PDB file of N, CA and C in Angstrom:
ATOM      1  N   UNK A   1    -143.438 174.888 180.720  1.00  0.00           N
ATOM      2  CA  UNK A   1    -142.565 173.771 180.402  1.00  0.00           C
ATOM      3  C   UNK A   1    -141.134 174.231 180.632  1.00  0.00           C
ATOM      4  N   UNK A   2    -140.321 173.424 181.298  1.00  0.00           N
ATOM      5  CA  UNK A   2    -138.941 173.778 181.625  1.00  0.00           C
ATOM      6  C   UNK A   2    -137.940 173.219 180.623  1.00  0.00           C
ATOM      7  N   UNK A   3    -138.125 173.511 179.401  1.00  0.00           N
ATOM      8  CA  UNK A   3    -137.145 173.086 178.403  1.00  0.00           C
ATOM      9  C   UNK A   3    -136.740 174.303 177.576  1.00  0.00           C
ATOM     10  N   UNK A   4    -135.531 174.288 177.052  1.00  0.00           N
ATOM     11  CA  UNK A   4    -135.070 175.448 176.284  1.00  0.00           C
ATOM     12  C   UNK A   4    -135.854 175.612 174.994  1.00  0.00           C
ATOM     13  N   UNK A   5    -135.968 176.843 174.567  1.00  0.00           N
ATOM     14  CA  UNK A   5    -136.653 177.165 173.320  1.00  0.00           C
ATOM     15  C   UNK A   5    -135.611 177.254 172.212  1.00  0.00           C
ATOM     16  N   UNK A   6    -135.785 176.481 171.180  1.00  0.00           N
ATOM     17  CA  UNK A   6    -134.867 176.503 170.042  1.00  0.00           C
ATOM     18  C   UNK A   6    -135.616 177.037 168.838  1.00  0.00           C
ATOM     19  N   UNK A   7    -134.972 177.921 168.117  1.00  0.00           N
ATOM     20  CA  UNK A   7    -135.552 178.466 166.891  1.00  0.00           C
ATOM     21  C   UNK A   7    -134.607 178.129 165.753  1.00  0.00           C
ATOM     22  N   UNK A   8    -135.148 177.522 164.718  1.00  0.00           N
ATOM     23  CA  UNK A   8    -134.324 177.205 163.554  1.00  0.00           C
ATOM     24  C   UNK A   8    -134.535 178.275 162.500  1.00  0.00           C
ATOM     25  N   UNK A   9    -133.412 178.837 162.039  1.00  0.00           N
ATOM     26  CA  UNK A   9    -133.458 179.828 160.965  1.00  0.00           C
ATOM     27  C   UNK A   9    -132.549 179.314 159.858  1.00  0.00           C
ATOM     28  N   UNK A  10    -133.101 179.122 158.667  1.00  0.00           N
ATOM     29  CA  UNK A  10    -132.270 178.622 157.567  1.00  0.00           C
ATOM     30  C   UNK A  10    -131.124 179.590 157.262  1.00  0.00           C
ATOM     31  N   UNK A  11    -129.977 179.045 156.892  1.00  0.00           N
ATOM     32  CA  UNK A  11    -128.802 179.853 156.590  1.00  0.00           C
ATOM     33  C   UNK A  11    -129.075 180.838 155.454  1.00  0.00           C
ATOM     34  N   UNK A  12    -129.864 180.419 154.470  1.00  0.00           N
ATOM     35  CA  UNK A  12    -130.193 181.306 153.354  1.00  0.00           C
ATOM     36  C   UNK A  12    -130.952 182.539 153.844  1.00  0.00           C
ATOM     37  N   UNK A  13    -131.798 182.354 154.836  1.00  0.00           N
ATOM     38  CA  UNK A  13    -132.560 183.479 155.392  1.00  0.00           C
ATOM     39  C   UNK A  13    -131.626 184.455 156.106  1.00  0.00           C
ATOM     40  N   UNK A  14    -130.672 183.926 156.863  1.00  0.00           N
ATOM     41  CA  UNK A  14    -129.707 184.791 157.543  1.00  0.00           C
ATOM     42  C   UNK A  14    -128.863 185.568 156.544  1.00  0.00           C
ATOM     43  N   UNK A  15    -128.518 184.930 155.429  1.00  0.00           N
ATOM     44  CA  UNK A  15    -127.691 185.586 154.413  1.00  0.00           C
ATOM     45  C   UNK A  15    -128.420 186.753 153.769  1.00  0.00           C
ATOM     46  N   UNK A  16    -129.748 186.706 153.730  1.00  0.00           N
ATOM     47  CA  UNK A  16    -130.529 187.794 153.125  1.00  0.00           C
ATOM     48  C   UNK A  16    -130.797 188.941 154.098  1.00  0.00           C
ATOM     49  N   UNK A  17    -130.534 188.732 155.361  1.00  0.00           N
ATOM     50  CA  UNK A  17    -130.788 189.765 156.364  1.00  0.00           C
ATOM     51  C   UNK A  17    -129.750 190.874 156.227  1.00  0.00           C
ATOM     52  N   UNK A  18    -130.196 192.120 156.062  1.00  0.00           N
ATOM     53  CA  UNK A  18    -129.224 193.208 155.906  1.00  0.00           C
ATOM     54  C   UNK A  18    -128.434 193.448 157.190  1.00  0.00           C
ATOM     55  N   UNK A  19    -127.187 193.799 157.016  1.00  0.00           N
ATOM     56  CA  UNK A  19    -126.330 194.124 158.152  1.00  0.00           C
ATOM     57  C   UNK A  19    -126.675 195.524 158.633  1.00  0.00           C
ATOM     58  N   UNK A  20    -126.864 195.710 159.932  1.00  0.00           N
ATOM     59  CA  UNK A  20    -127.178 197.054 160.416  1.00  0.00           C
ATOM     60  C   UNK A  20    -125.988 197.985 160.198  1.00  0.00           C
ATOM     61  N   UNK A  21    -126.251 199.263 159.967  1.00  0.00           N
ATOM     62  CA  UNK A  21    -125.143 200.196 159.747  1.00  0.00           C
ATOM     63  C   UNK A  21    -124.324 200.387 161.019  1.00  0.00           C
ATOM     64  N   UNK A  22    -123.049 200.652 160.845  1.00  0.00           N
ATOM     65  CA  UNK A  22    -122.173 200.919 161.991  1.00  0.00           C
ATOM     66  C   UNK A  22    -122.562 202.261 162.602  1.00  0.00           C
ATOM     67  N   UNK A  23    -122.523 202.360 163.919  1.00  0.00           N
ATOM     68  CA  UNK A  23    -122.872 203.638 164.544  1.00  0.00           C
ATOM     69  C   UNK A  23    -121.861 204.711 164.163  1.00  0.00           C
ATOM     70  N   UNK A  24    -122.358 205.903 163.911  1.00  0.00           N
ATOM     71  CA  UNK A  24    -121.479 207.012 163.557  1.00  0.00           C
ATOM     72  C   UNK A  24    -121.057 207.746 164.812  1.00  0.00           C
ATOM     73  N   UNK A  25    -119.874 208.256 164.776  1.00  0.00           N
ATOM     74  CA  UNK A  25    -119.360 209.033 165.901  1.00  0.00           C
ATOM     75  C   UNK A  25    -120.098 210.357 165.968  1.00  0.00           C
ATOM     76  N   UNK A  26    -120.339 210.830 167.183  1.00  0.00           N
ATOM     77  CA  UNK A  26    -120.938 212.153 167.353  1.00  0.00           C
ATOM     78  C   UNK A  26    -119.861 213.222 167.452  1.00  0.00           C
ATOM     79  N   UNK A  27    -118.594 212.791 167.437  1.00  0.00           N
ATOM     80  CA  UNK A  27    -117.480 213.725 167.524  1.00  0.00           C
ATOM     81  C   UNK A  27    -117.024 214.070 166.115  1.00  0.00           C
ATOM     82  N   UNK A  28    -117.024 215.357 165.735  1.00  0.00           N
ATOM     83  CA  UNK A  28    -116.553 215.721 164.399  1.00  0.00           C
ATOM     84  C   UNK A  28    -115.080 215.351 164.225  1.00  0.00           C
ATOM     85  N   UNK A  29    -114.755 214.768 163.104  1.00  0.00           N
ATOM     86  CA  UNK A  29    -113.381 214.376 162.831  1.00  0.00           C
ATOM     87  C   UNK A  29    -112.623 215.570 162.265  1.00  0.00           C
ATOM     88  N   UNK A  30    -111.492 215.886 162.893  1.00  0.00           N
ATOM     89  CA  UNK A  30    -110.639 216.988 162.466  1.00  0.00           C
ATOM     90  C   UNK A  30    -111.410 218.294 162.288  1.00  0.00           C
ATOM     91  N   UNK A  31    -112.227 218.635 163.276  1.00  0.00           N
ATOM     92  CA  UNK A  31    -113.012 219.864 163.223  1.00  0.00           C
ATOM     93  C   UNK A  31    -112.114 221.080 163.031  1.00  0.00           C
ATOM     94  N   UNK A  32    -110.964 221.099 163.700  1.00  0.00           N
ATOM     95  CA  UNK A  32    -110.054 222.238 163.584  1.00  0.00           C
ATOM     96  C   UNK A  32    -109.619 222.438 162.130  1.00  0.00           C
ATOM     97  N   UNK A  33    -109.313 221.354 161.459  1.00  0.00           N
ATOM     98  CA  UNK A  33    -108.868 221.442 160.071  1.00  0.00           C
ATOM     99  C   UNK A  33    -109.989 221.966 159.193  1.00  0.00           C
ATOM    100  N   UNK A  34    -111.193 221.458 159.399  1.00  0.00           N
ATOM    101  CA  UNK A  34    -112.321 221.881 158.582  1.00  0.00           C
ATOM    102  C   UNK A  34    -112.641 223.352 158.814  1.00  0.00           C
ATOM    103  N   UNK A  35    -112.622 223.811 160.058  1.00  0.00           N
ATOM    104  CA  UNK A  35    -112.961 225.195 160.374  1.00  0.00           C
ATOM    105  C   UNK A  35    -111.899 226.179 159.900  1.00  0.00           C
ATOM    106  N   UNK A  36    -110.640 225.830 160.047  1.00  0.00           N
ATOM    107  CA  UNK A  36    -109.553 226.756 159.721  1.00  0.00           C
ATOM    108  C   UNK A  36    -109.118 226.663 158.264  1.00  0.00           C
ATOM    109  N   UNK A  37    -109.514 225.600 157.588  1.00  0.00           N
ATOM    110  CA  UNK A  37    -109.140 225.465 156.196  1.00  0.00           C
ATOM    111  C   UNK A  37    -107.661 225.176 155.985  1.00  0.00           C
ATOM    112  N   UNK A  38    -107.006 224.621 156.969  1.00  0.00           N
ATOM    113  CA  UNK A  38    -105.585 224.306 156.836  1.00  0.00           C
ATOM    114  C   UNK A  38    -105.302 222.941 157.438  1.00  0.00           C
ATOM    115  N   UNK A  39    -104.253 222.332 156.958  1.00  0.00           N
ATOM    116  CA  UNK A  39    -103.844 221.063 157.551  1.00  0.00           C
ATOM    117  C   UNK A  39    -102.358 221.093 157.892  1.00  0.00           C
ATOM    118  N   UNK A  40    -101.836 222.269 158.159  1.00  0.00           N
ATOM    119  CA  UNK A  40    -100.429 222.411 158.533  1.00  0.00           C
ATOM    120  C   UNK A  40    -100.297 222.368 160.054  1.00  0.00           C
ATOM    121  N   UNK A  41     -99.563 221.396 160.553  1.00  0.00           N
ATOM    122  CA  UNK A  41     -99.349 221.237 161.990  1.00  0.00           C
ATOM    123  C   UNK A  41     -97.859 221.119 162.258  1.00  0.00           C
ATOM    124  N   UNK A  42     -97.457 221.549 163.437  1.00  0.00           N
ATOM    125  CA  UNK A  42     -96.078 221.345 163.867  1.00  0.00           C
ATOM    126  C   UNK A  42     -95.872 219.897 164.293  1.00  0.00           C
ATOM    127  N   UNK A  43     -96.886 219.335 164.942  1.00  0.00           N
ATOM    128  CA  UNK A  43     -96.794 217.976 165.486  1.00  0.00           C
ATOM    129  C   UNK A  43     -98.125 217.260 165.278  1.00  0.00           C
ATOM    130  N   UNK A  44     -98.056 215.997 164.898  1.00  0.00           N
ATOM    131  CA  UNK A  44     -99.240 215.140 164.839  1.00  0.00           C
ATOM    132  C   UNK A  44     -99.026 214.022 165.853  1.00  0.00           C
ATOM    133  N   UNK A  45     -99.912 213.948 166.847  1.00  0.00           N
ATOM    134  CA  UNK A  45     -99.840 212.919 167.883  1.00  0.00           C
ATOM    135  C   UNK A  45    -100.826 211.820 167.506  1.00  0.00           C
ATOM    136  N   UNK A  46    -100.340 210.594 167.416  1.00  0.00           N
ATOM    137  CA  UNK A  46    -101.202 209.461 167.091  1.00  0.00           C
ATOM    138  C   UNK A  46    -101.607 208.757 168.371  1.00  0.00           C
ATOM    139  N   UNK A  47    -102.900 208.793 168.663  1.00  0.00           N
ATOM    140  CA  UNK A  47    -103.432 208.159 169.868  1.00  0.00           C
ATOM    141  C   UNK A  47    -103.865 209.194 170.881  1.00  0.00           C
ATOM    142  N   UNK A  48    -105.131 209.112 171.298  1.00  0.00           N
ATOM    143  CA  UNK A  48    -105.690 210.060 172.265  1.00  0.00           C
ATOM    144  C   UNK A  48    -105.950 209.362 173.589  1.00  0.00           C
ATOM    145  N   UNK A  49    -104.953 208.631 174.055  1.00  0.00           N
ATOM    146  CA  UNK A  49    -105.066 207.931 175.331  1.00  0.00           C
ATOM    147  C   UNK A  49    -104.323 208.663 176.430  1.00  0.00           C
ATOM    148  N   UNK A  50    -103.874 207.911 177.420  1.00  0.00           N
ATOM    149  CA  UNK A  50    -103.246 208.518 178.597  1.00  0.00           C
ATOM    150  C   UNK A  50    -101.872 209.103 178.298  1.00  0.00           C
ATOM    151  N   UNK A  51    -101.290 208.778 177.175  1.00  0.00           N
ATOM    152  CA  UNK A  51    -100.019 209.379 176.774  1.00  0.00           C
ATOM    153  C   UNK A  51    -100.259 210.464 175.726  1.00  0.00           C
ATOM    154  N   UNK A  52    -101.066 210.178 174.726  1.00  0.00           N
ATOM    155  CA  UNK A  52    -101.274 211.104 173.617  1.00  0.00           C
ATOM    156  C   UNK A  52    -101.910 212.426 174.005  1.00  0.00           C
ATOM    157  N   UNK A  53    -102.957 212.391 174.829  1.00  0.00           N
ATOM    158  CA  UNK A  53    -103.648 213.630 175.211  1.00  0.00           C
ATOM    159  C   UNK A  53    -102.751 214.551 176.037  1.00  0.00           C
ATOM    160  N   UNK A  54    -102.093 214.059 177.099  1.00  0.00           N
ATOM    161  CA  UNK A  54    -101.201 214.960 177.843  1.00  0.00           C
ATOM    162  C   UNK A  54    -100.045 215.483 176.989  1.00  0.00           C
ATOM    163  N   UNK A  55     -99.528 214.639 176.092  1.00  0.00           N
ATOM    164  CA  UNK A  55     -98.458 215.082 175.210  1.00  0.00           C
ATOM    165  C   UNK A  55     -98.952 216.202 174.301  1.00  0.00           C
ATOM    166  N   UNK A  56    -100.121 216.017 173.706  1.00  0.00           N
ATOM    167  CA  UNK A  56    -100.691 217.047 172.837  1.00  0.00           C
ATOM    168  C   UNK A  56    -100.939 218.339 173.610  1.00  0.00           C
ATOM    169  N   UNK A  57    -101.440 218.219 174.837  1.00  0.00           N
ATOM    170  CA  UNK A  57    -101.686 219.414 175.660  1.00  0.00           C
ATOM    171  C   UNK A  57    -100.388 220.135 175.987  1.00  0.00           C
ATOM    172  N   UNK A  58     -99.359 219.387 176.368  1.00  0.00           N
ATOM    173  CA  UNK A  58     -98.077 220.003 176.720  1.00  0.00           C
ATOM    174  C   UNK A  58     -97.473 220.707 175.512  1.00  0.00           C
ATOM    175  N   UNK A  59     -97.555 220.083 174.350  1.00  0.00           N
ATOM    176  CA  UNK A  59     -97.024 220.704 173.138  1.00  0.00           C
ATOM    177  C   UNK A  59     -97.813 221.954 172.759  1.00  0.00           C
ATOM    178  N   UNK A  60     -99.134 221.903 172.917  1.00  0.00           N
ATOM    179  CA  UNK A  60     -99.963 223.076 172.623  1.00  0.00           C
ATOM    180  C   UNK A  60     -99.646 224.218 173.586  1.00  0.00           C
ATOM    181  N   UNK A  61     -99.458 223.897 174.860  1.00  0.00           N
ATOM    182  CA  UNK A  61     -99.092 224.931 175.838  1.00  0.00           C
ATOM    183  C   UNK A  61     -97.719 225.522 175.531  1.00  0.00           C
ATOM    184  N   UNK A  62     -96.867 224.749 174.861  1.00  0.00           N
ATOM    185  CA  UNK A  62     -95.535 225.229 174.483  1.00  0.00           C
ATOM    186  C   UNK A  62     -95.570 226.017 173.174  1.00  0.00           C
ATOM    187  N   UNK A  63     -96.779 226.219 172.631  1.00  0.00           N
ATOM    188  CA  UNK A  63     -96.922 227.043 171.437  1.00  0.00           C
ATOM    189  C   UNK A  63     -96.928 226.293 170.122  1.00  0.00           C
ATOM    190  N   UNK A  64     -96.963 224.983 170.156  1.00  0.00           N
ATOM    191  CA  UNK A  64     -96.985 224.192 168.924  1.00  0.00           C
ATOM    192  C   UNK A  64     -98.416 224.034 168.428  1.00  0.00           C
ATOM    193  N   UNK A  65     -98.564 223.936 167.118  1.00  0.00           N
ATOM    194  CA  UNK A  65     -99.869 223.649 166.513  1.00  0.00           C
ATOM    195  C   UNK A  65     -99.966 222.126 166.413  1.00  0.00           C
ATOM    196  N   UNK A  66    -100.897 221.543 167.170  1.00  0.00           N
ATOM    197  CA  UNK A  66    -100.934 220.089 167.365  1.00  0.00           C
ATOM    198  C   UNK A  66    -102.239 219.499 166.845  1.00  0.00           C
ATOM    199  N   UNK A  67    -102.131 218.360 166.167  1.00  0.00           N
ATOM    200  CA  UNK A  67    -103.290 217.536 165.820  1.00  0.00           C
ATOM    201  C   UNK A  67    -103.131 216.225 166.576  1.00  0.00           C
ATOM    202  N   UNK A  68    -104.160 215.845 167.330  1.00  0.00           N
ATOM    203  CA  UNK A  68    -104.145 214.588 168.079  1.00  0.00           C
ATOM    204  C   UNK A  68    -105.192 213.675 167.442  1.00  0.00           C
ATOM    205  N   UNK A  69    -104.746 212.606 166.806  1.00  0.00           N
ATOM    206  CA  UNK A  69    -105.635 211.715 166.064  1.00  0.00           C
ATOM    207  C   UNK A  69    -105.783 210.385 166.783  1.00  0.00           C
ATOM    208  N   UNK A  70    -106.989 209.821 166.712  1.00  0.00           N
ATOM    209  CA  UNK A  70    -107.238 208.529 167.329  1.00  0.00           C
ATOM    210  C   UNK A  70    -108.220 207.758 166.472  1.00  0.00           C
ATOM    211  N   UNK A  71    -108.110 206.453 166.468  1.00  0.00           N
ATOM    212  CA  UNK A  71    -109.022 205.626 165.677  1.00  0.00           C
ATOM    213  C   UNK A  71    -110.376 205.456 166.356  1.00  0.00           C
ATOM    214  N   UNK A  72    -110.456 205.751 167.652  1.00  0.00           N
ATOM    215  CA  UNK A  72    -111.718 205.626 168.376  1.00  0.00           C
ATOM    216  C   UNK A  72    -112.627 206.825 168.158  1.00  0.00           C
ATOM    217  N   UNK A  73    -113.885 206.662 168.520  1.00  0.00           N
ATOM    218  CA  UNK A  73    -114.855 207.748 168.369  1.00  0.00           C
ATOM    219  C   UNK A  73    -114.632 208.867 169.372  1.00  0.00           C
ATOM    220  N   UNK A  74    -113.963 208.557 170.467  1.00  0.00           N
ATOM    221  CA  UNK A  74    -113.657 209.571 171.474  1.00  0.00           C
ATOM    222  C   UNK A  74    -112.362 209.173 172.178  1.00  0.00           C
ATOM    223  N   UNK A  75    -111.719 210.107 172.874  1.00  0.00           N
ATOM    224  CA  UNK A  75    -110.442 209.794 173.522  1.00  0.00           C
ATOM    225  C   UNK A  75    -110.567 208.695 174.576  1.00  0.00           C
ATOM    226  N   UNK A  76    -109.491 207.955 174.754  1.00  0.00           N
ATOM    227  CA  UNK A  76    -109.415 206.955 175.817  1.00  0.00           C
ATOM    228  C   UNK A  76    -110.208 205.693 175.592  1.00  0.00           C
ATOM    229  N   UNK A  77    -110.492 205.337 174.353  1.00  0.00           N
ATOM    230  CA  UNK A  77    -111.297 204.146 174.082  1.00  0.00           C
ATOM    231  C   UNK A  77    -110.460 202.918 173.748  1.00  0.00           C
ATOM    232  N   UNK A  78    -109.142 203.035 173.765  1.00  0.00           N
ATOM    233  CA  UNK A  78    -108.278 201.899 173.430  1.00  0.00           C
ATOM    234  C   UNK A  78    -107.890 201.110 174.653  1.00  0.00           C
ATOM    235  N   UNK A  79    -106.599 200.871 174.807  1.00  0.00           N
ATOM    236  CA  UNK A  79    -106.102 200.064 175.917  1.00  0.00           C
ATOM    237  C   UNK A  79    -106.423 200.684 177.265  1.00  0.00           C
ATOM    238  N   UNK A  80    -106.485 202.003 177.339  1.00  0.00           N
ATOM    239  CA  UNK A  80    -106.801 202.657 178.613  1.00  0.00           C
ATOM    240  C   UNK A  80    -108.147 202.202 179.155  1.00  0.00           C
ATOM    241  N   UNK A  81    -109.098 202.035 178.276  1.00  0.00           N
ATOM    242  CA  UNK A  81    -110.449 201.649 178.691  1.00  0.00           C
ATOM    243  C   UNK A  81    -110.458 200.244 179.280  1.00  0.00           C
ATOM    244  N   UNK A  82    -109.551 199.399 178.802  1.00  0.00           N
ATOM    245  CA  UNK A  82    -109.506 198.018 179.259  1.00  0.00           C
ATOM    246  C   UNK A  82    -108.542 197.811 180.421  1.00  0.00           C
ATOM    247  N   UNK A  83    -107.818 198.851 180.796  1.00  0.00           N
ATOM    248  CA  UNK A  83    -106.834 198.728 181.873  1.00  0.00           C
ATOM    249  C   UNK A  83    -107.542 198.570 183.217  1.00  0.00           C
ATOM    250  N   UNK A  84    -106.904 197.835 184.104  1.00  0.00           N
ATOM    251  CA  UNK A  84    -107.463 197.611 185.433  1.00  0.00           C
ATOM    252  C   UNK A  84    -106.685 198.453 186.427  1.00  0.00           C
ATOM    253  N   UNK A  85    -107.390 199.015 187.378  1.00  0.00           N
ATOM    254  CA  UNK A  85    -106.706 199.774 188.429  1.00  0.00           C
ATOM    255  C   UNK A  85    -106.939 201.261 188.279  1.00  0.00           C
ATOM    256  N   UNK A  86    -106.422 201.991 189.212  1.00  0.00           N
ATOM    257  CA  UNK A  86    -106.610 203.433 189.195  1.00  0.00           C
ATOM    258  C   UNK A  86    -105.377 204.166 189.664  1.00  0.00           C
ATOM    259  N   UNK A  87    -104.214 203.681 189.288  1.00  0.00           N
ATOM    260  CA  UNK A  87    -102.981 204.321 189.724  1.00  0.00           C
ATOM    261  C   UNK A  87    -102.751 205.570 188.887  1.00  0.00           C
ATOM    262  N   UNK A  88    -102.489 206.673 189.555  1.00  0.00           N
ATOM    263  CA  UNK A  88    -102.214 207.927 188.856  1.00  0.00           C
ATOM    264  C   UNK A  88    -100.739 208.247 189.044  1.00  0.00           C
ATOM    265  N   UNK A  89     -99.970 208.040 188.019  1.00  0.00           N
ATOM    266  CA  UNK A  89     -98.540 208.286 188.094  1.00  0.00           C
ATOM    267  C   UNK A  89     -98.227 209.442 187.156  1.00  0.00           C
ATOM    268  N   UNK A  90     -98.093 210.629 187.697  1.00  0.00           N
ATOM    269  CA  UNK A  90     -97.933 211.818 186.866  1.00  0.00           C
ATOM    270  C   UNK A  90     -96.531 212.378 186.877  1.00  0.00           C
ATOM    271  N   UNK A  91     -95.730 212.012 187.873  1.00  0.00           N
ATOM    272  CA  UNK A  91     -94.376 212.533 187.994  1.00  0.00           C
ATOM    273  C   UNK A  91     -94.356 214.062 187.990  1.00  0.00           C
ATOM    274  N   UNK A  92     -95.436 214.671 188.465  1.00  0.00           N
ATOM    275  CA  UNK A  92     -95.472 216.128 188.583  1.00  0.00           C
ATOM    276  C   UNK A  92     -95.656 216.869 187.274  1.00  0.00           C
ATOM    277  N   UNK A  93     -96.049 216.180 186.210  1.00  0.00           N
ATOM    278  CA  UNK A  93     -96.242 216.850 184.930  1.00  0.00           C
ATOM    279  C   UNK A  93     -97.589 217.568 184.939  1.00  0.00           C
ATOM    280  N   UNK A  94     -97.595 218.897 184.809  1.00  0.00           N
ATOM    281  CA  UNK A  94     -98.852 219.652 184.882  1.00  0.00           C
ATOM    282  C   UNK A  94     -99.903 219.194 183.874  1.00  0.00           C
ATOM    283  N   UNK A  95     -99.491 218.857 182.654  1.00  0.00           N
ATOM    284  CA  UNK A  95    -100.486 218.463 181.653  1.00  0.00           C
ATOM    285  C   UNK A  95    -101.162 217.153 182.022  1.00  0.00           C
ATOM    286  N   UNK A  96    -100.422 216.206 182.610  1.00  0.00           N
ATOM    287  CA  UNK A  96    -101.036 214.940 183.032  1.00  0.00           C
ATOM    288  C   UNK A  96    -101.950 215.148 184.227  1.00  0.00           C
ATOM    289  N   UNK A  97    -101.555 215.993 185.147  1.00  0.00           N
ATOM    290  CA  UNK A  97    -102.398 216.266 186.313  1.00  0.00           C
ATOM    291  C   UNK A  97    -103.712 216.891 185.860  1.00  0.00           C
ATOM    292  N   UNK A  98    -103.660 217.805 184.887  1.00  0.00           N
ATOM    293  CA  UNK A  98    -104.872 218.445 184.364  1.00  0.00           C
ATOM    294  C   UNK A  98    -105.798 217.413 183.744  1.00  0.00           C
ATOM    295  N   UNK A  99    -105.263 216.490 182.956  1.00  0.00           N
ATOM    296  CA  UNK A  99    -106.083 215.466 182.301  1.00  0.00           C
ATOM    297  C   UNK A  99    -106.714 214.537 183.321  1.00  0.00           C
ATOM    298  N   UNK A 100    -106.004 214.213 184.384  1.00  0.00           N
ATOM    299  CA  UNK A 100    -106.488 213.252 185.372  1.00  0.00           C
ATOM    300  C   UNK A 100    -107.578 213.819 186.277  1.00  0.00           C
ATOM    301  N   UNK A 101    -107.777 215.116 186.304  1.00  0.00           N
ATOM    302  CA  UNK A 101    -108.799 215.703 187.189  1.00  0.00           C
ATOM    303  C   UNK A 101    -110.182 215.414 186.718  1.00  0.00           C
TER     304      UNK A 101
END
């Protein structure tokens, strides 16, 4: 039969259905802090996207103790993930070139 299949579910039944748990990240949060037992940093970079990661790398190479924090489960899951195109504009910055490889 070529007609759509409709299923009626009472609203009360939907309200009793448990919400599935949110997926947990497989990336340990602040592993460095947990392993070293310290939370003293020279710099805290907020955001692990195309700006935050190269900035954190450049600061670390310059000898700074850096924490790079992001709300996503892994780096680059924010606006970078939704960006269109593939332009690589590094302006010769070694840390950005390293990240882009």
